[in-house]
Amino acid sequence: MLALASRPVIEEVARKVDATLVLEPTAHGAVKTARKGSGIFRVTATGVEAHAGLAPQDGASAITALADFVVAAAAVAAPDKGTTINTRLIEGGSATNVVAGRATASVDIRVSSESEQVRVDEELDAIRAGDPRVRIDIDHSWNRPPMTLNAASAPLLDLAREVAREQGRDHLPDASVGGAGDADFVSALGLPVLCGMGAVGDGAHAQGEFIHPDTVPTQTALVAGLLRRLAEPLRG
């Protein structure tokens, strides 16, 4: 939800600057030049409530329909194309003796291309409940577009590698990662951006997430050196 408020601000600022450097953690020391786009869909199944003992035939279970949807949605994933679908939180029903009249699920979707966004939208919308009395509604919410190494970012990566060589690093690798980030917004505008310029560590989003303290000076020097080179035309 934060992206709904921050995106226009990030885009406005990015249009006014020469380049954007995002100090997200590195990909094990590599600069992040490609990220997946992400969506958080909310799926709601609306069925018919009935007493589970006295008249179960009168009910149409929203939970059963939602379970069928989750299985069908998983089949829409295409890992070979970079598309993953992960159902996260599920809730539904009102009591143990009542056929569930409502159930909801939150679905995390990651894609590497806009064409996959379109395909996923179409194929999820095509899924139908086995019981015609149950309605499936999907709130399609794509919150970040895919990030690619666009034409504007490629020279920025070359400059970062030049700075790294000047500082004694043999090679500065770049990587494509599955996580989405704010750099996605800048890349979608066709503007120069590099992500993963921050700390080197591991265990992202886990309680044991950590950084390697001995890499902090090197990463700080890289960012400072790149900023200095970017400022040269302005001073020259």
C-alpha atoms as a PDB file:
ATOM      1  CA  MET A   1       0.000   0.000   0.000  1.00  0.00           C
ATOM      2  CA  LEU A   2       2.917   2.373   0.613  1.00  0.00           C
ATOM      3  CA  ALA A   3       3.691   2.250  -3.097  1.00  0.00           C
ATOM      4  CA  LEU A   4       0.344   3.924  -3.802  1.00  0.00           C
ATOM      5  CA  ALA A   5       1.604   7.051  -2.017  1.00  0.00           C
ATOM      6  CA  SER A   6       5.331   6.885  -2.750  1.00  0.00           C
ATOM      7  CA  ARG A   7       5.294   6.038  -6.463  1.00  0.00           C
ATOM      8  CA  PRO A   8       4.331   9.489  -7.818  1.00  0.00           C
ATOM      9  CA  VAL A   9       6.851  11.147  -5.509  1.00  0.00           C
ATOM     10  CA  ILE A  10       9.659   8.809  -6.630  1.00  0.00           C
ATOM     11  CA  GLU A  11       8.760   9.327 -10.289  1.00  0.00           C
ATOM     12  CA  GLU A  12       8.633  13.119  -9.936  1.00  0.00           C
ATOM     13  CA  VAL A  13      12.058  13.280  -8.293  1.00  0.00           C
ATOM     14  CA  ALA A  14      13.612  10.759 -10.712  1.00  0.00           C
ATOM     15  CA  ARG A  15      12.630  12.924 -13.685  1.00  0.00           C
ATOM     16  CA  LYS A  16      14.592  15.855 -12.230  1.00  0.00           C
ATOM     17  CA  VAL A  17      17.931  14.115 -11.603  1.00  0.00           C
ATOM     18  CA  ASP A  18      20.753  12.685 -13.715  1.00  0.00           C
ATOM     19  CA  ALA A  19      20.588   9.205 -12.184  1.00  0.00           C
ATOM     20  CA  THR A  20      18.998   7.251  -9.359  1.00  0.00           C
ATOM     21  CA  LEU A  21      21.015   5.037  -7.016  1.00  0.00           C
ATOM     22  CA  VAL A  22      18.988   2.785  -4.723  1.00  0.00           C
ATOM     23  CA  LEU A  23      20.806   1.701  -1.566  1.00  0.00           C
ATOM     24  CA  GLU A  24      18.986  -1.599  -1.210  1.00  0.00           C
ATOM     25  CA  PRO A  25      21.246  -4.517  -0.204  1.00  0.00           C
ATOM     26  CA  THR A  26      23.344  -5.994  -2.985  1.00  0.00           C
ATOM     27  CA  ALA A  27      22.682  -9.399  -4.536  1.00  0.00           C
ATOM     28  CA  HIS A  28      25.603 -11.044  -2.757  1.00  0.00           C
ATOM     29  CA  GLY A  29      27.838  -8.204  -3.903  1.00  0.00           C
ATOM     30  CA  ALA A  30      26.245  -7.708  -7.316  1.00  0.00           C
ATOM     31  CA  VAL A  31      24.452  -4.577  -8.468  1.00  0.00           C
ATOM     32  CA  LYS A  32      20.770  -5.226  -9.176  1.00  0.00           C
ATOM     33  CA  THR A  33      19.910  -4.250 -12.746  1.00  0.00           C
ATOM     34  CA  ALA A  34      16.694  -6.254 -13.155  1.00  0.00           C
ATOM     35  CA  ARG A  35      13.863  -6.940 -10.738  1.00  0.00           C
ATOM     36  CA  LYS A  36      10.545  -8.667 -11.101  1.00  0.00           C
ATOM     37  CA  GLY A  37       7.307  -6.776 -11.160  1.00  0.00           C
ATOM     38  CA  SER A  38       4.895  -7.662  -8.374  1.00  0.00           C
ATOM     39  CA  GLY A  39       1.207  -7.877  -7.748  1.00  0.00           C
ATOM     40  CA  ILE A  40      -0.824  -8.564  -4.633  1.00  0.00           C
ATOM     41  CA  PHE A  41      -4.233  -9.825  -5.714  1.00  0.00           C
ATOM     42  CA  ARG A  42      -7.175 -10.287  -3.351  1.00  0.00           C
ATOM     43  CA  VAL A  43      -9.514 -13.106  -4.345  1.00  0.00           C
ATOM     44  CA  THR A  44     -12.991 -13.297  -2.838  1.00  0.00           C
ATOM     45  CA  ALA A  45     -15.305 -16.295  -3.148  1.00  0.00           C
ATOM     46  CA  THR A  46     -18.965 -15.701  -2.314  1.00  0.00           C
ATOM     47  CA  GLY A  47     -21.079 -18.807  -1.824  1.00  0.00           C
ATOM     48  CA  VAL A  48     -24.296 -19.777  -0.061  1.00  0.00           C
ATOM     49  CA  GLU A  49     -24.481 -20.362   3.673  1.00  0.00           C
ATOM     50  CA  ALA A  50     -26.436 -23.331   5.041  1.00  0.00           C
ATOM     51  CA  HIS A  51     -26.489 -25.483   8.155  1.00  0.00           C
ATOM     52  CA  ALA A  52     -23.734 -28.067   7.728  1.00  0.00           C
ATOM     53  CA  GLY A  53     -25.803 -30.764   9.450  1.00  0.00           C
ATOM     54  CA  LEU A  54     -29.446 -30.014   8.699  1.00  0.00           C
ATOM     55  CA  ALA A  55     -29.231 -28.880   5.058  1.00  0.00           C
ATOM     56  CA  PRO A  56     -25.690 -29.089   3.655  1.00  0.00           C
ATOM     57  CA  GLN A  57     -27.122 -29.561   0.158  1.00  0.00           C
ATOM     58  CA  ASP A  58     -28.540 -26.056   0.302  1.00  0.00           C
ATOM     59  CA  GLY A  59     -25.104 -24.552   0.776  1.00  0.00           C
ATOM     60  CA  ALA A  60     -22.344 -23.708  -1.691  1.00  0.00           C
ATOM     61  CA  SER A  61     -19.000 -23.578   0.059  1.00  0.00           C
ATOM     62  CA  ALA A  62     -16.903 -20.519  -0.665  1.00  0.00           C
ATOM     63  CA  ILE A  63     -13.930 -22.242   0.979  1.00  0.00           C
ATOM     64  CA  THR A  64     -14.114 -25.266  -1.329  1.00  0.00           C
ATOM     65  CA  ALA A  65     -14.394 -22.983  -4.361  1.00  0.00           C
ATOM     66  CA  LEU A  66     -11.482 -20.866  -3.170  1.00  0.00           C
ATOM     67  CA  ALA A  67      -9.377 -23.983  -2.616  1.00  0.00           C
ATOM     68  CA  ASP A  68     -10.076 -25.035  -6.206  1.00  0.00           C
ATOM     69  CA  PHE A  69      -9.134 -21.547  -7.383  1.00  0.00           C
ATOM     70  CA  VAL A  70      -5.821 -21.641  -5.512  1.00  0.00           C
ATOM     71  CA  VAL A  71      -4.869 -24.916  -7.209  1.00  0.00           C
ATOM     72  CA  ALA A  72      -5.866 -23.567 -10.628  1.00  0.00           C
ATOM     73  CA  ALA A  73      -4.003 -20.307 -10.020  1.00  0.00           C
ATOM     74  CA  ALA A  74      -0.826 -22.174  -9.137  1.00  0.00           C
ATOM     75  CA  ALA A  75      -0.967 -23.812 -12.564  1.00  0.00           C
ATOM     76  CA  VAL A  76      -0.870 -20.356 -14.194  1.00  0.00           C
ATOM     77  CA  ALA A  77       2.664 -19.841 -12.889  1.00  0.00           C
ATOM     78  CA  ALA A  78       5.454 -20.149 -15.449  1.00  0.00           C
ATOM     79  CA  PRO A  79       8.808 -20.304 -13.634  1.00  0.00           C
ATOM     80  CA  ASP A  80      10.630 -20.671 -16.962  1.00  0.00           C
ATOM     81  CA  LYS A  81       9.310 -17.215 -17.874  1.00  0.00           C
ATOM     82  CA  GLY A  82      10.016 -15.801 -14.419  1.00  0.00           C
ATOM     83  CA  THR A  83       6.400 -15.928 -13.271  1.00  0.00           C
ATOM     84  CA  THR A  84       5.603 -17.230  -9.796  1.00  0.00           C
ATOM     85  CA  ILE A  85       2.282 -17.322  -7.949  1.00  0.00           C
ATOM     86  CA  ASN A  86       2.150 -17.760  -4.194  1.00  0.00           C
ATOM     87  CA  THR A  87      -1.102 -17.824  -2.216  1.00  0.00           C
ATOM     88  CA  ARG A  88      -0.338 -16.292   1.156  1.00  0.00           C
ATOM     89  CA  LEU A  89      -3.174 -15.612   3.600  1.00  0.00           C
ATOM     90  CA  ILE A  90      -6.541 -17.404   3.465  1.00  0.00           C
ATOM     91  CA  GLU A  91      -9.568 -16.882   5.657  1.00  0.00           C
ATOM     92  CA  GLY A  92     -13.227 -17.757   5.448  1.00  0.00           C
ATOM     93  CA  GLY A  93     -16.369 -19.151   7.001  1.00  0.00           C
ATOM     94  CA  SER A  94     -18.334 -18.055  10.030  1.00  0.00           C
ATOM     95  CA  ALA A  95     -18.705 -21.202  12.159  1.00  0.00           C
ATOM     96  CA  THR A  96     -17.803 -24.884  12.087  1.00  0.00           C
ATOM     97  CA  ASN A  97     -21.437 -25.914  11.561  1.00  0.00           C
ATOM     98  CA  VAL A  98     -22.080 -23.519   8.682  1.00  0.00           C
ATOM     99  CA  VAL A  99     -21.252 -24.054   5.013  1.00  0.00           C
ATOM    100  CA  ALA A 100     -18.936 -21.125   4.314  1.00  0.00           C
ATOM    101  CA  GLY A 101     -20.605 -18.255   2.515  1.00  0.00           C
ATOM    102  CA  ARG A 102     -17.443 -16.211   2.058  1.00  0.00           C
ATOM    103  CA  ALA A 103     -13.699 -16.810   1.800  1.00  0.00           C
ATOM    104  CA  THR A 104     -10.765 -14.636   0.766  1.00  0.00           C
ATOM    105  CA  ALA A 105      -7.161 -15.186  -0.243  1.00  0.00           C
ATOM    106  CA  SER A 106      -4.177 -12.903  -0.788  1.00  0.00           C
ATOM    107  CA  VAL A 107      -2.038 -13.935  -3.760  1.00  0.00           C
ATOM    108  CA  ASP A 108       1.538 -12.751  -4.375  1.00  0.00           C
ATOM    109  CA  ILE A 109       2.493 -12.694  -8.080  1.00  0.00           C
ATOM    110  CA  ARG A 110       5.949 -11.993  -9.562  1.00  0.00           C
ATOM    111  CA  VAL A 111       6.602 -11.464 -13.279  1.00  0.00           C
ATOM    112  CA  SER A 112       9.609 -10.518 -15.404  1.00  0.00           C
ATOM    113  CA  SER A 113       7.719  -8.894 -18.283  1.00  0.00           C
ATOM    114  CA  GLU A 114       4.619  -6.842 -19.017  1.00  0.00           C
ATOM    115  CA  SER A 115       3.401  -9.543 -21.387  1.00  0.00           C
ATOM    116  CA  GLU A 116       3.318 -11.957 -18.466  1.00  0.00           C
ATOM    117  CA  GLN A 117       1.266  -9.466 -16.472  1.00  0.00           C
ATOM    118  CA  VAL A 118      -1.338  -9.505 -19.237  1.00  0.00           C
ATOM    119  CA  ARG A 119      -1.304 -13.303 -19.513  1.00  0.00           C
ATOM    120  CA  VAL A 120      -1.689 -13.787 -15.762  1.00  0.00           C
ATOM    121  CA  ASP A 121      -4.585 -11.314 -15.616  1.00  0.00           C
ATOM    122  CA  GLU A 122      -6.414 -13.099 -18.429  1.00  0.00           C
ATOM    123  CA  GLU A 123      -5.851 -16.631 -17.170  1.00  0.00           C
ATOM    124  CA  LEU A 124      -6.819 -15.887 -13.588  1.00  0.00           C
ATOM    125  CA  ASP A 125     -10.009 -14.174 -14.759  1.00  0.00           C
ATOM    126  CA  ALA A 126     -10.830 -17.284 -16.791  1.00  0.00           C
ATOM    127  CA  ILE A 127     -10.898 -19.566 -13.717  1.00  0.00           C
ATOM    128  CA  ARG A 128     -14.440 -20.556 -12.771  1.00  0.00           C
ATOM    129  CA  ALA A 129     -15.800 -22.089  -9.585  1.00  0.00           C
ATOM    130  CA  GLY A 130     -16.892 -25.709  -9.855  1.00  0.00           C
ATOM    131  CA  ASP A 131     -20.218 -24.837  -8.213  1.00  0.00           C
ATOM    132  CA  PRO A 132     -22.052 -22.212 -10.316  1.00  0.00           C
ATOM    133  CA  ARG A 133     -23.635 -20.827  -7.172  1.00  0.00           C
ATOM    134  CA  VAL A 134     -20.234 -19.487  -6.047  1.00  0.00           C
ATOM    135  CA  ARG A 135     -18.951 -16.202  -7.446  1.00  0.00           C
ATOM    136  CA  ILE A 136     -15.213 -15.505  -7.699  1.00  0.00           C
ATOM    137  CA  ASP A 137     -14.082 -11.860  -7.687  1.00  0.00           C
ATOM    138  CA  ILE A 138     -10.437 -10.842  -8.197  1.00  0.00           C
ATOM    139  CA  ASP A 139      -8.978  -7.478  -7.257  1.00  0.00           C
ATOM    140  CA  HIS A 140      -6.049  -7.154  -9.668  1.00  0.00           C
ATOM    141  CA  SER A 141      -3.470  -4.971  -7.952  1.00  0.00           C
ATOM    142  CA  TRP A 142      -0.109  -4.686  -9.718  1.00  0.00           C
ATOM    143  CA  ASN A 143       1.997  -2.522  -7.433  1.00  0.00           C
ATOM    144  CA  ARG A 144       5.348  -2.535  -9.249  1.00  0.00           C
ATOM    145  CA  PRO A 145       6.296  -2.976 -12.921  1.00  0.00           C
ATOM    146  CA  PRO A 146       9.242  -5.171 -13.919  1.00  0.00           C
ATOM    147  CA  MET A 147      12.684  -3.515 -13.870  1.00  0.00           C
ATOM    148  CA  THR A 148      15.089  -4.137 -16.736  1.00  0.00           C
ATOM    149  CA  LEU A 149      18.526  -2.875 -17.667  1.00  0.00           C
ATOM    150  CA  ASN A 150      17.196  -0.196 -20.008  1.00  0.00           C
ATOM    151  CA  ALA A 151      19.211   1.858 -22.499  1.00  0.00           C
ATOM    152  CA  ALA A 152      19.637   4.693 -20.008  1.00  0.00           C
ATOM    153  CA  SER A 153      20.863   2.449 -17.182  1.00  0.00           C
ATOM    154  CA  ALA A 154      23.475   0.520 -19.176  1.00  0.00           C
ATOM    155  CA  PRO A 155      25.948   3.458 -19.327  1.00  0.00           C
ATOM    156  CA  LEU A 156      25.411   4.030 -15.600  1.00  0.00           C
ATOM    157  CA  LEU A 157      26.382   0.414 -14.927  1.00  0.00           C
ATOM    158  CA  ASP A 158      29.492   0.868 -17.102  1.00  0.00           C
ATOM    159  CA  LEU A 159      30.429   3.951 -15.088  1.00  0.00           C
ATOM    160  CA  ALA A 160      29.938   2.085 -11.788  1.00  0.00           C
ATOM    161  CA  ARG A 161      32.222  -0.679 -13.049  1.00  0.00           C
ATOM    162  CA  GLU A 162      34.830   1.880 -14.078  1.00  0.00           C
ATOM    163  CA  VAL A 163      34.747   3.386 -10.585  1.00  0.00           C
ATOM    164  CA  ALA A 164      35.025  -0.085  -9.048  1.00  0.00           C
ATOM    165  CA  ARG A 165      38.114  -0.840 -11.163  1.00  0.00           C
ATOM    166  CA  GLU A 166      39.702   2.438 -10.118  1.00  0.00           C
ATOM    167  CA  GLN A 167      39.161   1.359  -6.518  1.00  0.00           C
ATOM    168  CA  GLY A 168      40.879  -1.973  -7.063  1.00  0.00           C
ATOM    169  CA  ARG A 169      37.939  -4.279  -7.693  1.00  0.00           C
ATOM    170  CA  ASP A 170      38.485  -6.742 -10.524  1.00  0.00           C
ATOM    171  CA  HIS A 171      34.825  -6.915 -11.514  1.00  0.00           C
ATOM    172  CA  LEU A 172      31.499  -5.483 -10.393  1.00  0.00           C
ATOM    173  CA  PRO A 173      28.825  -8.066 -11.304  1.00  0.00           C
ATOM    174  CA  ASP A 174      25.183  -7.293 -11.927  1.00  0.00           C
ATOM    175  CA  ALA A 175      22.205  -9.533 -11.261  1.00  0.00           C
ATOM    176  CA  SER A 176      18.511 -10.069 -11.908  1.00  0.00           C
ATOM    177  CA  VAL A 177      16.517 -10.769  -8.725  1.00  0.00           C
ATOM    178  CA  GLY A 178      13.017 -11.919  -7.884  1.00  0.00           C
ATOM    179  CA  GLY A 179      12.230  -9.205  -5.365  1.00  0.00           C
ATOM    180  CA  ALA A 180      10.459  -6.003  -6.414  1.00  0.00           C
ATOM    181  CA  GLY A 181      11.598  -2.547  -5.318  1.00  0.00           C
ATOM    182  CA  ASP A 182      11.247   1.176  -5.836  1.00  0.00           C
ATOM    183  CA  ALA A 183      13.873   1.095  -8.610  1.00  0.00           C
ATOM    184  CA  ASP A 184      11.157  -0.591 -10.699  1.00  0.00           C
ATOM    185  CA  PHE A 185       9.282   2.722 -10.907  1.00  0.00           C
ATOM    186  CA  VAL A 186      12.319   4.606 -12.231  1.00  0.00           C
ATOM    187  CA  SER A 187      13.241   1.910 -14.738  1.00  0.00           C
ATOM    188  CA  ALA A 188       9.701   1.877 -16.135  1.00  0.00           C
ATOM    189  CA  LEU A 189      10.143   5.548 -17.021  1.00  0.00           C
ATOM    190  CA  GLY A 190      13.201   4.690 -19.112  1.00  0.00           C
ATOM    191  CA  LEU A 191      15.458   6.648 -16.755  1.00  0.00           C
ATOM    192  CA  PRO A 192      18.942   5.625 -15.494  1.00  0.00           C
ATOM    193  CA  VAL A 193      18.838   3.661 -12.239  1.00  0.00           C
ATOM    194  CA  LEU A 194      20.957   1.132 -10.372  1.00  0.00           C
ATOM    195  CA  CYS A 195      19.668  -0.837  -7.408  1.00  0.00           C
ATOM    196  CA  GLY A 196      21.501  -2.936  -4.834  1.00  0.00           C
ATOM    197  CA  MET A 197      24.160  -0.320  -4.136  1.00  0.00           C
ATOM    198  CA  GLY A 198      23.934  -0.841  -0.382  1.00  0.00           C
ATOM    199  CA  ALA A 199      25.161  -3.415   2.098  1.00  0.00           C
ATOM    200  CA  VAL A 200      26.376  -6.935   1.368  1.00  0.00           C
ATOM    201  CA  GLY A 201      24.637  -9.575   3.468  1.00  0.00           C
ATOM    202  CA  ASP A 202      22.062 -12.358   3.400  1.00  0.00           C
ATOM    203  CA  GLY A 203      18.796 -13.653   4.890  1.00  0.00           C
ATOM    204  CA  ALA A 204      16.551 -10.991   3.393  1.00  0.00           C
ATOM    205  CA  HIS A 205      13.352 -10.344   5.396  1.00  0.00           C
ATOM    206  CA  ALA A 206      14.164 -13.116   7.887  1.00  0.00           C
ATOM    207  CA  GLN A 207      14.744 -12.519  11.592  1.00  0.00           C
ATOM    208  CA  GLY A 208      18.343 -13.512  11.044  1.00  0.00           C
ATOM    209  CA  GLU A 209      18.974 -11.026   8.221  1.00  0.00           C
ATOM    210  CA  PHE A 210      22.500  -9.629   8.441  1.00  0.00           C
ATOM    211  CA  ILE A 211      25.225  -7.614   6.706  1.00  0.00           C
ATOM    212  CA  HIS A 212      28.973  -8.180   6.519  1.00  0.00           C
ATOM    213  CA  PRO A 213      30.464  -5.169   8.367  1.00  0.00           C
ATOM    214  CA  ASP A 214      33.805  -5.483   6.597  1.00  0.00           C
ATOM    215  CA  THR A 215      32.119  -4.747   3.243  1.00  0.00           C
ATOM    216  CA  VAL A 216      30.601  -1.435   4.355  1.00  0.00           C
ATOM    217  CA  PRO A 217      33.703   0.692   3.585  1.00  0.00           C
ATOM    218  CA  THR A 218      33.977  -0.821   0.092  1.00  0.00           C
ATOM    219  CA  GLN A 219      30.326  -0.229  -0.741  1.00  0.00           C
ATOM    220  CA  THR A 220      30.439   3.283   0.697  1.00  0.00           C
ATOM    221  CA  ALA A 221      33.499   4.074  -1.426  1.00  0.00           C
ATOM    222  CA  LEU A 222      31.762   2.749  -4.537  1.00  0.00           C
ATOM    223  CA  VAL A 223      28.694   4.948  -4.011  1.00  0.00           C
ATOM    224  CA  ALA A 224      30.840   7.985  -3.161  1.00  0.00           C
ATOM    225  CA  GLY A 225      33.065   7.436  -6.173  1.00  0.00           C
ATOM    226  CA  LEU A 226      30.084   7.040  -8.493  1.00  0.00           C
ATOM    227  CA  LEU A 227      28.479  10.201  -7.130  1.00  0.00           C
ATOM    228  CA  ARG A 228      31.727  12.073  -7.704  1.00  0.00           C
ATOM    229  CA  ARG A 229      31.911  10.918 -11.311  1.00  0.00           C
ATOM    230  CA  LEU A 230      28.266  11.805 -11.904  1.00  0.00           C
ATOM    231  CA  ALA A 231      28.916  15.312 -10.556  1.00  0.00           C
ATOM    232  CA  GLU A 232      31.892  15.987 -12.842  1.00  0.00           C
ATOM    233  CA  PRO A 233      29.907  17.261 -15.832  1.00  0.00           C
ATOM    234  CA  LEU A 234      28.059  19.644 -13.518  1.00  0.00           C
ATOM    235  CA  ARG A 235      31.345  21.083 -12.260  1.00  0.00           C
ATOM    236  CA  GLY A 236      33.149  20.969 -15.566  1.00  0.00           C
END
